Protein backbone atom coordinates (compact mmCIF):
# COMPACT_ATOMS: atom_id res chain seq x y z
CA UNK A 1 0.00 0.00 0.00
CA UNK A 2 1.26 3.46 -0.87
CA UNK A 3 1.07 6.17 1.78
CA UNK A 4 1.47 9.92 1.46
CA UNK A 5 3.58 10.79 4.50
CA UNK A 6 6.28 13.05 5.90
CA UNK A 7 9.98 12.33 5.50
CA UNK A 8 12.16 14.29 7.90
CA UNK A 9 15.09 16.33 6.63
CA UNK A 10 16.89 19.34 8.09
CA UNK A 11 18.97 19.66 11.24
CA UNK A 12 18.43 18.80 14.89
CA UNK A 13 16.44 21.87 15.95
CA UNK A 14 15.31 22.99 12.50
CA UNK A 15 13.13 20.25 11.00
CA UNK A 16 12.05 20.28 7.38
CA UNK A 17 9.82 17.65 5.89
CA UNK A 18 9.22 16.30 2.41
CA UNK A 19 5.76 15.01 1.63
CA UNK A 20 6.42 11.77 -0.21
CA UNK A 21 4.55 8.84 -1.69
CA UNK A 22 6.17 5.76 -0.17
CA UNK A 23 5.47 2.10 0.43
CA UNK A 24 3.94 1.73 3.88
CA UNK A 25 6.56 -0.91 4.80
CA UNK A 26 9.52 1.40 4.05
CA UNK A 27 11.19 3.25 6.94
CA UNK A 28 10.24 6.89 7.60
CA UNK A 29 13.38 8.36 6.05
CA UNK A 30 13.97 5.49 3.67
CA UNK A 31 13.06 4.70 0.10
CA UNK A 32 10.18 6.62 -1.49
CA UNK A 33 8.45 6.66 -4.87
CA UNK A 34 7.74 10.36 -5.47
CA UNK A 35 8.11 13.77 -3.79
CA UNK A 36 4.81 15.67 -3.85
CA UNK A 37 5.55 18.63 -1.57
CA UNK A 38 7.52 20.23 1.26
CA UNK A 39 6.54 21.32 4.79
CA UNK A 40 8.57 23.66 7.02
CA UNK A 41 6.85 23.91 10.43
CA UNK A 42 9.55 25.91 12.26
CA UNK A 43 9.33 28.96 9.99
CA UNK A 44 7.75 32.11 11.43
CA UNK A 45 5.26 32.02 8.59
CA UNK A 46 4.30 28.42 7.91
CA UNK A 47 5.65 27.45 4.51
CA UNK A 48 4.25 24.53 2.61
CA UNK A 49 4.51 23.75 -1.07
CA UNK A 50 2.40 21.17 -2.84
CA UNK A 51 2.23 19.72 -6.33
CA UNK A 52 -1.58 19.43 -6.49
CA UNK A 53 -1.65 17.46 -9.72
CA UNK A 54 0.68 14.77 -8.35
CA UNK A 55 -1.18 14.60 -5.03
CA UNK A 56 -4.59 14.20 -6.64
CA UNK A 57 -3.20 11.59 -9.03
CA UNK A 58 -1.75 9.57 -6.14
CA UNK A 59 -5.00 9.83 -4.17
CA UNK A 60 -7.01 8.67 -7.19
CA UNK A 61 -4.65 5.69 -7.54
CA UNK A 62 -5.38 4.61 -3.96
CA UNK A 63 -2.63 6.23 -1.88
CA UNK A 64 -3.64 6.88 1.74
CA UNK A 65 -2.47 10.07 3.51
CA UNK A 66 -1.32 9.87 7.12
CA UNK A 67 -3.11 11.95 9.74
CA UNK A 68 -0.70 14.88 9.67
CA UNK A 69 -0.54 14.96 5.88
CA UNK A 70 -4.34 14.80 5.70
CA UNK A 71 -4.54 17.87 7.98
CA UNK A 72 -2.07 19.72 5.74
CA UNK A 73 -4.15 18.84 2.67
CA UNK A 74 -7.36 20.00 4.37
CA UNK A 75 -5.78 23.32 5.41
CA UNK A 76 -4.53 23.91 1.86
CA UNK A 77 -7.86 22.98 0.27
CA UNK A 78 -6.42 20.03 -1.64
CA UNK A 79 -8.63 17.48 0.10
CA UNK A 80 -11.83 19.35 -0.87
CA UNK A 81 -10.58 19.64 -4.44
CA UNK A 82 -9.89 15.88 -4.50
CA UNK A 83 -13.40 15.11 -3.16
CA UNK A 84 -15.01 17.25 -5.88
CA UNK A 85 -13.04 15.41 -8.59
CA UNK A 86 -14.45 12.12 -7.30
CA UNK A 87 -18.04 13.32 -7.72
CA UNK A 88 -17.56 14.13 -11.41
PDB file of N, CA and C in Angstrom:
ATOM      1  N   UNK A   1       0.839  -1.174   0.000  1.00  0.00           N
ATOM      2  CA  UNK A   1       0.000   0.000   0.000  1.00  0.00           C
ATOM      3  C   UNK A   1       0.889   1.243   0.000  1.00  0.00           C
ATOM      4  N   UNK A   2       0.501   2.209  -0.793  1.00  0.00           N
ATOM      5  CA  UNK A   2       1.260   3.463  -0.871  1.00  0.00           C
ATOM      6  C   UNK A   2       0.647   4.467   0.093  1.00  0.00           C
ATOM      7  N   UNK A   3       1.507   5.135   0.838  1.00  0.00           N
ATOM      8  CA  UNK A   3       1.072   6.169   1.779  1.00  0.00           C
ATOM      9  C   UNK A   3       1.683   7.500   1.375  1.00  0.00           C
ATOM     10  N   UNK A   4       0.932   8.569   1.589  1.00  0.00           N
ATOM     11  CA  UNK A   4       1.473   9.918   1.462  1.00  0.00           C
ATOM     12  C   UNK A   4       1.837  10.334   2.882  1.00  0.00           C
ATOM     13  N   UNK A   5       3.131  10.524   3.138  1.00  0.00           N
ATOM     14  CA  UNK A   5       3.582  10.788   4.499  1.00  0.00           C
ATOM     15  C   UNK A   5       4.758  11.743   4.513  1.00  0.00           C
ATOM     16  N   UNK A   6       5.168  12.121   5.724  1.00  0.00           N
ATOM     17  CA  UNK A   6       6.276  13.049   5.899  1.00  0.00           C
ATOM     18  C   UNK A   6       7.596  12.294   5.998  1.00  0.00           C
ATOM     19  N   UNK A   7       8.624  12.846   5.390  1.00  0.00           N
ATOM     20  CA  UNK A   7       9.983  12.329   5.496  1.00  0.00           C
ATOM     21  C   UNK A   7      10.827  13.457   6.065  1.00  0.00           C
ATOM     22  N   UNK A   8      11.433  13.233   7.227  1.00  0.00           N
ATOM     23  CA  UNK A   8      12.161  14.294   7.904  1.00  0.00           C
ATOM     24  C   UNK A   8      13.509  14.570   7.247  1.00  0.00           C
ATOM     25  N   UNK A   9      13.787  15.866   7.073  1.00  0.00           N
ATOM     26  CA  UNK A   9      15.090  16.332   6.634  1.00  0.00           C
ATOM     27  C   UNK A   9      15.447  17.510   7.535  1.00  0.00           C
ATOM     28  N   UNK A  10      16.519  18.190   7.272  1.00  0.00           N
ATOM     29  CA  UNK A  10      16.891  19.339   8.088  1.00  0.00           C
ATOM     30  C   UNK A  10      17.833  18.946   9.213  1.00  0.00           C
ATOM     31  N   UNK A  11      18.035  19.892  10.147  1.00  0.00           N
ATOM     32  CA  UNK A  11      18.967  19.661  11.241  1.00  0.00           C
ATOM     33  C   UNK A  11      18.227  19.364  12.542  1.00  0.00           C
ATOM     34  N   UNK A  12      18.988  19.232  13.621  1.00  0.00           N
ATOM     35  CA  UNK A  12      18.429  18.796  14.894  1.00  0.00           C
ATOM     36  C   UNK A  12      17.295  19.690  15.405  1.00  0.00           C
ATOM     37  N   UNK A  13      17.469  20.976  15.430  1.00  0.00           N
ATOM     38  CA  UNK A  13      16.442  21.871  15.954  1.00  0.00           C
ATOM     39  C   UNK A  13      15.764  22.697  14.859  1.00  0.00           C
ATOM     40  N   UNK A  14      15.932  22.297  13.630  1.00  0.00           N
ATOM     41  CA  UNK A  14      15.311  22.987  12.501  1.00  0.00           C
ATOM     42  C   UNK A  14      14.775  21.944  11.519  1.00  0.00           C
ATOM     43  N   UNK A  15      13.636  21.316  11.865  1.00  0.00           N
ATOM     44  CA  UNK A  15      13.132  20.253  10.996  1.00  0.00           C
ATOM     45  C   UNK A  15      12.507  20.791   9.716  1.00  0.00           C
ATOM     46  N   UNK A  16      12.705  20.061   8.660  1.00  0.00           N
ATOM     47  CA  UNK A  16      12.051  20.282   7.377  1.00  0.00           C
ATOM     48  C   UNK A  16      11.528  18.921   6.952  1.00  0.00           C
ATOM     49  N   UNK A  17      10.408  18.908   6.304  1.00  0.00           N
ATOM     50  CA  UNK A  17       9.818  17.645   5.890  1.00  0.00           C
ATOM     51  C   UNK A  17       9.511  17.664   4.404  1.00  0.00           C
ATOM     52  N   UNK A  18       9.699  16.520   3.766  1.00  0.00           N
ATOM     53  CA  UNK A  18       9.221  16.299   2.407  1.00  0.00           C
ATOM     54  C   UNK A  18       7.925  15.522   2.541  1.00  0.00           C
ATOM     55  N   UNK A  19       6.968  15.817   1.703  1.00  0.00           N
ATOM     56  CA  UNK A  19       5.763  15.010   1.632  1.00  0.00           C
ATOM     57  C   UNK A  19       5.985  14.050   0.475  1.00  0.00           C
ATOM     58  N   UNK A  20       6.037  12.761   0.792  1.00  0.00           N
ATOM     59  CA  UNK A  20       6.415  11.766  -0.211  1.00  0.00           C
ATOM     60  C   UNK A  20       5.345  10.684  -0.330  1.00  0.00           C
ATOM     61  N   UNK A  21       5.327  10.056  -1.480  1.00  0.00           N
ATOM     62  CA  UNK A  21       4.553   8.837  -1.686  1.00  0.00           C
ATOM     63  C   UNK A  21       5.530   7.691  -1.487  1.00  0.00           C
ATOM     64  N   UNK A  22       5.245   6.843  -0.501  1.00  0.00           N
ATOM     65  CA  UNK A  22       6.171   5.756  -0.170  1.00  0.00           C
ATOM     66  C   UNK A  22       5.392   4.494   0.166  1.00  0.00           C
ATOM     67  N   UNK A  23       6.044   3.368   0.003  1.00  0.00           N
ATOM     68  CA  UNK A  23       5.472   2.099   0.426  1.00  0.00           C
ATOM     69  C   UNK A  23       5.319   2.136   1.941  1.00  0.00           C
ATOM     70  N   UNK A  24       4.200   1.650   2.448  1.00  0.00           N
ATOM     71  CA  UNK A  24       3.938   1.726   3.884  1.00  0.00           C
ATOM     72  C   UNK A  24       4.923   0.890   4.699  1.00  0.00           C
ATOM     73  N   UNK A  25       5.594  -0.072   4.082  1.00  0.00           N
ATOM     74  CA  UNK A  25       6.555  -0.907   4.799  1.00  0.00           C
ATOM     75  C   UNK A  25       7.949  -0.299   4.856  1.00  0.00           C
ATOM     76  N   UNK A  26       8.203   0.749   4.073  1.00  0.00           N
ATOM     77  CA  UNK A  26       9.517   1.395   4.050  1.00  0.00           C
ATOM     78  C   UNK A  26       9.708   2.238   5.308  1.00  0.00           C
ATOM     79  N   UNK A  27      10.950   2.404   5.777  1.00  0.00           N
ATOM     80  CA  UNK A  27      11.187   3.251   6.944  1.00  0.00           C
ATOM     81  C   UNK A  27      10.864   4.714   6.664  1.00  0.00           C
ATOM     82  N   UNK A  28      10.661   5.486   7.728  1.00  0.00           N
ATOM     83  CA  UNK A  28      10.239   6.886   7.597  1.00  0.00           C
ATOM     84  C   UNK A  28      11.144   7.680   6.670  1.00  0.00           C
ATOM     85  N   UNK A  29      12.444   7.593   6.862  1.00  0.00           N
ATOM     86  CA  UNK A  29      13.380   8.362   6.054  1.00  0.00           C
ATOM     87  C   UNK A  29      14.019   7.517   4.963  1.00  0.00           C
ATOM     88  N   UNK A  30      13.403   6.405   4.642  1.00  0.00           N
ATOM     89  CA  UNK A  30      13.970   5.494   3.672  1.00  0.00           C
ATOM     90  C   UNK A  30      13.486   5.749   2.255  1.00  0.00           C
ATOM     91  N   UNK A  31      13.391   4.655   1.519  1.00  0.00           N
ATOM     92  CA  UNK A  31      13.059   4.702   0.105  1.00  0.00           C
ATOM     93  C   UNK A  31      11.639   5.242  -0.110  1.00  0.00           C
ATOM     94  N   UNK A  32      11.489   6.072  -1.147  1.00  0.00           N
ATOM     95  CA  UNK A  32      10.182   6.620  -1.492  1.00  0.00           C
ATOM     96  C   UNK A  32      10.001   6.558  -3.000  1.00  0.00           C
ATOM     97  N   UNK A  33       8.768   6.758  -3.447  1.00  0.00           N
ATOM     98  CA  UNK A  33       8.453   6.664  -4.868  1.00  0.00           C
ATOM     99  C   UNK A  33       8.480   8.035  -5.532  1.00  0.00           C
ATOM    100  N   UNK A  34       7.908   9.056  -4.847  1.00  0.00           N
ATOM    101  CA  UNK A  34       7.744  10.363  -5.472  1.00  0.00           C
ATOM    102  C   UNK A  34       7.665  11.449  -4.399  1.00  0.00           C
ATOM    103  N   UNK A  35       8.236  12.607  -4.672  1.00  0.00           N
ATOM    104  CA  UNK A  35       8.109  13.766  -3.792  1.00  0.00           C
ATOM    105  C   UNK A  35       6.942  14.611  -4.307  1.00  0.00           C
ATOM    106  N   UNK A  36       5.976  14.901  -3.425  1.00  0.00           N
ATOM    107  CA  UNK A  36       4.806  15.665  -3.851  1.00  0.00           C
ATOM    108  C   UNK A  36       4.695  17.020  -3.152  1.00  0.00           C
ATOM    109  N   UNK A  37       5.604  17.327  -2.228  1.00  0.00           N
ATOM    110  CA  UNK A  37       5.551  18.628  -1.573  1.00  0.00           C
ATOM    111  C   UNK A  37       6.598  18.760  -0.480  1.00  0.00           C
ATOM    112  N   UNK A  38       6.615  19.937   0.156  1.00  0.00           N
ATOM    113  CA  UNK A  38       7.519  20.227   1.265  1.00  0.00           C
ATOM    114  C   UNK A  38       6.752  20.930   2.369  1.00  0.00           C
ATOM    115  N   UNK A  39       7.183  20.714   3.621  1.00  0.00           N
ATOM    116  CA  UNK A  39       6.540  21.319   4.788  1.00  0.00           C
ATOM    117  C   UNK A  39       7.630  21.783   5.736  1.00  0.00           C
ATOM    118  N   UNK A  40       7.578  23.072   6.122  1.00  0.00           N
ATOM    119  CA  UNK A  40       8.567  23.662   7.024  1.00  0.00           C
ATOM    120  C   UNK A  40       7.841  24.238   8.233  1.00  0.00           C
ATOM    121  N   UNK A  41       7.657  23.458   9.303  1.00  0.00           N
ATOM    122  CA  UNK A  41       6.849  23.911  10.435  1.00  0.00           C
ATOM    123  C   UNK A  41       7.525  24.944  11.318  1.00  0.00           C
ATOM    124  N   UNK A  42       8.841  25.025  11.332  1.00  0.00           N
ATOM    125  CA  UNK A  42       9.546  25.908  12.257  1.00  0.00           C
ATOM    126  C   UNK A  42       9.668  27.339  11.746  1.00  0.00           C
ATOM    127  N   UNK A  43       9.251  27.608  10.530  1.00  0.00           N
ATOM    128  CA  UNK A  43       9.334  28.960   9.989  1.00  0.00           C
ATOM    129  C   UNK A  43       8.345  29.868  10.716  1.00  0.00           C
ATOM    130  N   UNK A  44       8.657  31.161  10.805  1.00  0.00           N
ATOM    131  CA  UNK A  44       7.753  32.111  11.434  1.00  0.00           C
ATOM    132  C   UNK A  44       6.410  32.095  10.710  1.00  0.00           C
ATOM    133  N   UNK A  45       6.463  32.149   9.404  1.00  0.00           N
ATOM    134  CA  UNK A  45       5.265  32.015   8.595  1.00  0.00           C
ATOM    135  C   UNK A  45       5.299  30.616   7.995  1.00  0.00           C
ATOM    136  N   UNK A  46       4.304  29.822   8.338  1.00  0.00           N
ATOM    137  CA  UNK A  46       4.303  28.423   7.910  1.00  0.00           C
ATOM    138  C   UNK A  46       4.419  28.326   6.392  1.00  0.00           C
ATOM    139  N   UNK A  47       5.410  27.590   5.944  1.00  0.00           N
ATOM    140  CA  UNK A  47       5.652  27.449   4.514  1.00  0.00           C
ATOM    141  C   UNK A  47       5.416  26.008   4.094  1.00  0.00           C
ATOM    142  N   UNK A  48       4.481  25.839   3.198  1.00  0.00           N
ATOM    143  CA  UNK A  48       4.247  24.531   2.611  1.00  0.00           C
ATOM    144  C   UNK A  48       4.131  24.709   1.107  1.00  0.00           C
ATOM    145  N   UNK A  49       4.652  23.756   0.382  1.00  0.00           N
ATOM    146  CA  UNK A  49       4.506  23.750  -1.070  1.00  0.00           C
ATOM    147  C   UNK A  49       3.971  22.389  -1.479  1.00  0.00           C
ATOM    148  N   UNK A  50       3.015  22.398  -2.376  1.00  0.00           N
ATOM    149  CA  UNK A  50       2.403  21.168  -2.844  1.00  0.00           C
ATOM    150  C   UNK A  50       2.393  21.136  -4.359  1.00  0.00           C
ATOM    151  N   UNK A  51       2.472  19.938  -4.907  1.00  0.00           N
ATOM    152  CA  UNK A  51       2.225  19.724  -6.329  1.00  0.00           C
ATOM    153  C   UNK A  51       0.843  19.073  -6.404  1.00  0.00           C
ATOM    154  N   UNK A  52      -0.194  19.909  -6.570  1.00  0.00           N
ATOM    155  CA  UNK A  52      -1.579  19.434  -6.491  1.00  0.00           C
ATOM    156  C   UNK A  52      -1.883  18.331  -7.495  1.00  0.00           C
ATOM    157  N   UNK A  53      -1.356  18.462  -8.701  1.00  0.00           N
ATOM    158  CA  UNK A  53      -1.646  17.455  -9.719  1.00  0.00           C
ATOM    159  C   UNK A  53      -1.124  16.081  -9.295  1.00  0.00           C
ATOM    160  N   UNK A  54       0.106  16.045  -8.791  1.00  0.00           N
ATOM    161  CA  UNK A  54       0.676  14.771  -8.349  1.00  0.00           C
ATOM    162  C   UNK A  54      -0.098  14.199  -7.170  1.00  0.00           C
ATOM    163  N   UNK A  55      -0.463  15.065  -6.221  1.00  0.00           N
ATOM    164  CA  UNK A  55      -1.176  14.601  -5.028  1.00  0.00           C
ATOM    165  C   UNK A  55      -2.524  14.001  -5.418  1.00  0.00           C
ATOM    166  N   UNK A  56      -3.274  14.701  -6.243  1.00  0.00           N
ATOM    167  CA  UNK A  56      -4.594  14.196  -6.636  1.00  0.00           C
ATOM    168  C   UNK A  56      -4.461  12.917  -7.445  1.00  0.00           C
ATOM    169  N   UNK A  57      -3.435  12.823  -8.272  1.00  0.00           N
ATOM    170  CA  UNK A  57      -3.197  11.589  -9.027  1.00  0.00           C
ATOM    171  C   UNK A  57      -2.912  10.424  -8.097  1.00  0.00           C
ATOM    172  N   UNK A  58      -2.060  10.637  -7.098  1.00  0.00           N
ATOM    173  CA  UNK A  58      -1.751   9.569  -6.142  1.00  0.00           C
ATOM    174  C   UNK A  58      -2.989   9.167  -5.347  1.00  0.00           C
ATOM    175  N   UNK A  59      -3.789  10.154  -4.921  1.00  0.00           N
ATOM    176  CA  UNK A  59      -5.004   9.834  -4.168  1.00  0.00           C
ATOM    177  C   UNK A  59      -5.984   9.045  -5.018  1.00  0.00           C
ATOM    178  N   UNK A  60      -6.119   9.408  -6.294  1.00  0.00           N
ATOM    179  CA  UNK A  60      -7.015   8.666  -7.193  1.00  0.00           C
ATOM    180  C   UNK A  60      -6.527   7.239  -7.412  1.00  0.00           C
ATOM    181  N   UNK A  61      -5.215   7.030  -7.349  1.00  0.00           N
ATOM    182  CA  UNK A  61      -4.653   5.692  -7.540  1.00  0.00           C
ATOM    183  C   UNK A  61      -4.667   4.869  -6.264  1.00  0.00           C
ATOM    184  N   UNK A  62      -5.210   5.407  -5.173  1.00  0.00           N
ATOM    185  CA  UNK A  62      -5.381   4.612  -3.959  1.00  0.00           C
ATOM    186  C   UNK A  62      -4.409   4.900  -2.840  1.00  0.00           C
ATOM    187  N   UNK A  63      -3.561   5.905  -2.960  1.00  0.00           N
ATOM    188  CA  UNK A  63      -2.628   6.228  -1.876  1.00  0.00           C
ATOM    189  C   UNK A  63      -3.402   6.798  -0.689  1.00  0.00           C
ATOM    190  N   UNK A  64      -2.986   6.430   0.515  1.00  0.00           N
ATOM    191  CA  UNK A  64      -3.644   6.877   1.739  1.00  0.00           C
ATOM    192  C   UNK A  64      -2.760   7.890   2.454  1.00  0.00           C
ATOM    193  N   UNK A  65      -3.274   9.095   2.760  1.00  0.00           N
ATOM    194  CA  UNK A  65      -2.467  10.066   3.511  1.00  0.00           C
ATOM    195  C   UNK A  65      -2.464   9.726   5.001  1.00  0.00           C
ATOM    196  N   UNK A  66      -1.362  10.027   5.670  1.00  0.00           N
ATOM    197  CA  UNK A  66      -1.319   9.872   7.121  1.00  0.00           C
ATOM    198  C   UNK A  66      -2.117  11.007   7.749  1.00  0.00           C
ATOM    199  N   UNK A  67      -2.301  10.950   9.054  1.00  0.00           N
ATOM    200  CA  UNK A  67      -3.111  11.949   9.739  1.00  0.00           C
ATOM    201  C   UNK A  67      -2.592  13.363   9.583  1.00  0.00           C
ATOM    202  N   UNK A  68      -1.298  13.557   9.779  1.00  0.00           N
ATOM    203  CA  UNK A  68      -0.705  14.884   9.666  1.00  0.00           C
ATOM    204  C   UNK A  68      -0.773  15.398   8.240  1.00  0.00           C
ATOM    205  N   UNK A  69      -0.500  14.550   7.294  1.00  0.00           N
ATOM    206  CA  UNK A  69      -0.543  14.956   5.882  1.00  0.00           C
ATOM    207  C   UNK A  69      -1.982  15.285   5.485  1.00  0.00           C
ATOM    208  N   UNK A  70      -2.943  14.518   5.989  1.00  0.00           N
ATOM    209  CA  UNK A  70      -4.342  14.803   5.704  1.00  0.00           C
ATOM    210  C   UNK A  70      -4.729  16.185   6.233  1.00  0.00           C
ATOM    211  N   UNK A  71      -4.269  16.542   7.430  1.00  0.00           N
ATOM    212  CA  UNK A  71      -4.545  17.870   7.977  1.00  0.00           C
ATOM    213  C   UNK A  71      -3.918  18.966   7.117  1.00  0.00           C
ATOM    214  N   UNK A  72      -2.712  18.741   6.624  1.00  0.00           N
ATOM    215  CA  UNK A  72      -2.070  19.717   5.744  1.00  0.00           C
ATOM    216  C   UNK A  72      -2.870  19.890   4.458  1.00  0.00           C
ATOM    217  N   UNK A  73      -3.357  18.777   3.899  1.00  0.00           N
ATOM    218  CA  UNK A  73      -4.147  18.836   2.672  1.00  0.00           C
ATOM    219  C   UNK A  73      -5.464  19.576   2.912  1.00  0.00           C
ATOM    220  N   UNK A  74      -6.100  19.329   4.060  1.00  0.00           N
ATOM    221  CA  UNK A  74      -7.360  20.003   4.374  1.00  0.00           C
ATOM    222  C   UNK A  74      -7.145  21.505   4.540  1.00  0.00           C
ATOM    223  N   UNK A  75      -6.069  21.902   5.214  1.00  0.00           N
ATOM    224  CA  UNK A  75      -5.784  23.324   5.412  1.00  0.00           C
ATOM    225  C   UNK A  75      -5.472  24.029   4.099  1.00  0.00           C
ATOM    226  N   UNK A  76      -4.883  23.314   3.156  1.00  0.00           N
ATOM    227  CA  UNK A  76      -4.535  23.911   1.865  1.00  0.00           C
ATOM    228  C   UNK A  76      -5.674  23.836   0.853  1.00  0.00           C
ATOM    229  N   UNK A  77      -6.734  23.102   1.179  1.00  0.00           N
ATOM    230  CA  UNK A  77      -7.862  22.977   0.267  1.00  0.00           C
ATOM    231  C   UNK A  77      -7.709  21.876  -0.763  1.00  0.00           C
ATOM    232  N   UNK A  78      -6.653  21.105  -0.673  1.00  0.00           N
ATOM    233  CA  UNK A  78      -6.415  20.033  -1.645  1.00  0.00           C
ATOM    234  C   UNK A  78      -7.400  18.885  -1.439  1.00  0.00           C
ATOM    235  N   UNK A  79      -7.726  18.588  -0.196  1.00  0.00           N
ATOM    236  CA  UNK A  79      -8.626  17.477   0.101  1.00  0.00           C
ATOM    237  C   UNK A  79     -10.024  17.753  -0.470  1.00  0.00           C
ATOM    238  N   UNK A  80     -10.514  18.986  -0.318  1.00  0.00           N
ATOM    239  CA  UNK A  80     -11.826  19.353  -0.866  1.00  0.00           C
ATOM    240  C   UNK A  80     -11.811  19.268  -2.386  1.00  0.00           C
ATOM    241  N   UNK A  81     -10.714  19.704  -2.973  1.00  0.00           N
ATOM    242  CA  UNK A  81     -10.582  19.635  -4.441  1.00  0.00           C
ATOM    243  C   UNK A  81     -10.585  18.182  -4.911  1.00  0.00           C
ATOM    244  N   UNK A  82      -9.922  17.299  -4.165  1.00  0.00           N
ATOM    245  CA  UNK A  82      -9.894  15.875  -4.496  1.00  0.00           C
ATOM    246  C   UNK A  82     -11.301  15.286  -4.394  1.00  0.00           C
ATOM    247  N   UNK A  83     -12.039  15.642  -3.347  1.00  0.00           N
ATOM    248  CA  UNK A  83     -13.400  15.112  -3.163  1.00  0.00           C
ATOM    249  C   UNK A  83     -14.320  15.572  -4.294  1.00  0.00           C
ATOM    250  N   UNK A  84     -14.157  16.792  -4.776  1.00  0.00           N
ATOM    251  CA  UNK A  84     -15.009  17.253  -5.879  1.00  0.00           C
ATOM    252  C   UNK A  84     -14.664  16.543  -7.187  1.00  0.00           C
ATOM    253  N   UNK A  85     -13.401  16.147  -7.368  1.00  0.00           N
ATOM    254  CA  UNK A  85     -13.040  15.413  -8.588  1.00  0.00           C
ATOM    255  C   UNK A  85     -13.631  14.007  -8.567  1.00  0.00           C
ATOM    256  N   UNK A  86     -13.854  13.456  -7.379  1.00  0.00           N
ATOM    257  CA  UNK A  86     -14.451  12.120  -7.298  1.00  0.00           C
ATOM    258  C   UNK A  86     -15.923  12.133  -7.684  1.00  0.00           C
ATOM    259  N   UNK A  87     -16.605  13.234  -7.434  1.00  0.00           N
ATOM    260  CA  UNK A  87     -18.037  13.319  -7.721  1.00  0.00           C
ATOM    261  C   UNK A  87     -18.329  13.490  -9.195  1.00  0.00           C
ATOM    262  N   UNK A  88     -17.346  13.894  -9.982  1.00  0.00           N
ATOM    263  CA  UNK A  88     -17.563  14.127 -11.413  1.00  0.00           C
ATOM    264  C   UNK A  88     -17.673  12.833 -12.171  1.00  0.00           C
TER     265      UNK A  88
END
